Amino acid sequence: MACFSLKSNDHEDGDPKFRLSWSFFRGSSGKKRRSVLPHSGSYGSKQGNRIPSPASSPSSQPAYPLPAKVEVDVRTIEVLSSARDTTQISIMQDSVGITPEPRCFTFSELQAACQGFSQSNLVGEGGFGCVYRGFLKGANSRSPDSSKEVAVKMLNRNSQQGHKEWLAEVRFLGLVEHPNLVRLVGYCAEDGERGIQRLLVYEFIARGSLEDHLFRKRQCVLSWKQRLQILHGAAQGLSYLHHGVKGIQVIFRDFKTSNVLLEEDFTPKLSDFGLARQGPERGATHVSTSVVGTIGYAAPEYVQTGHLTSKSDVWSFGVVLFEMLTGRRSMDPNRPKSEQHLLEWVRPYVHSVNKVARIMDPALQEDYSLVEAQKAVVLGLHCCQRAPKSRPTMRLVAKTLQAILDGKEFNPKSEKTSPKRRENGEGDVNRKIRIPKAISM
């Protein structure tokens, strides 16, 4: 008999621990706030609508503080926040003792690398601007004649949040390091004859976005194991941001399939950190901020109240998990009205484990473990609990996915796994699953 439980236990960080189970909790939500501005994900994805934020106003507190990979204080952050171009940032980095990495590029260097930003080098475009494929010559000091393949994002000069998001990525991505986060190679900021130029240079990720593979390039269907591995890697990236950056917690705030890039071996890397935000200070329960993100992925309490926590990312992860299971978008206006909202559509099929197969992506052609799928469904439902405190931490989500991949039972209370493996198809298919009446926004 399949057994997968999830119950709350006290945690030293104030976050509850969980054990996967078929029981769930109800939560409540607060007032509504407005929203609406299209935006695209990394590498030019046009899918999804950004939740708008009111025009930003000056604040004495920076919106995107530097992670503490280097020792910096509030004054340092404020100084860097005032930088308007590449030269100023370089000087300010030197003045506060920050190693000038990522590298500062001139516009001419990047223009040459991308063959004049030609159409043949264009790999994506959207509300933020365009992304070009480029080759940087002499990037390797040991081999001056070699070239490095990069992706160059040129921000739209008319973008309302352009400079703010550009600066957030420069200050943030250059100071964190994890196998599941995209690496920022460099940046460019020039205010001159060509006008205002804001560019970001990333490592080039060969296979593009998860969105492409899941919803567009269906000739190369992601296998069940690949989907679990991608989810696990993405969960590790979010867990690092929430729990692994020294001194602060980082909330990604815009987790979705278009912001997950895939390397040649399908290793996932989170990208597009323009909306990343520092989590609440010790003693605070949340951060109050303008509501931005993407409709269909943003947590309901964040949309309604502007209260942001790491559990907002957990909700978004749950939505993506269901997209991976079903092969459907979180919001799809091209489907019948009753099927347009993914979380509403899956709800009738997850009350009983014998119905789980009905929501699985037909492209998988039933080549998956039903027991593993059942466990993934339960995990997704817990991530999408209405009450933020009832959701697991991303650290626990990552460990649970690893346990599913390993075919082991997972007990978060002791954080140990047992080798007890459940074969495909084993389990009580008549078992009832009690879920919340509302798991959608």
Foldseek 3Di string as FASTA:
>chain_A
DDAWWWDFDQDPQRFTGITRGLDADADDADFFDQFWAFWAFPQAHRDFTKTDFPQDDDDLFQFAAFFVLDDDDRVLRSLCVPDQWDVSNVVSCVVRVHDCPLPEDEPVQVCVQQVNVDPVQWRHHTQQGTKGWGWHACPDVVDRRHTAIKIKGKGDPPRSCRVLLLSNCQRYQRRDDDPQAWHWNYWGFDDDPVHTTTMTITHDAPQAWQCCQLANPLVDHQAPLLLLQQLLLVLVVLLCQQPNGPPWHKAQQADDRNQWGAHPVGRTHGDRSSPIGTFDDPPDDFDADTGIYGPLQFAPNCNGGSTDHNLRVLLSSLSRLLCSFQSDHCADPVDPPCPRHPVSNCVVQLQFLLSLVVRGHCSNVPPDFSSLSNSSNSLSLQSLHNHSSSHHHSVSVSLSSVCSSQQWRADRVVRDTDNDHDGRPDDDRGDGRDGDPDSDD
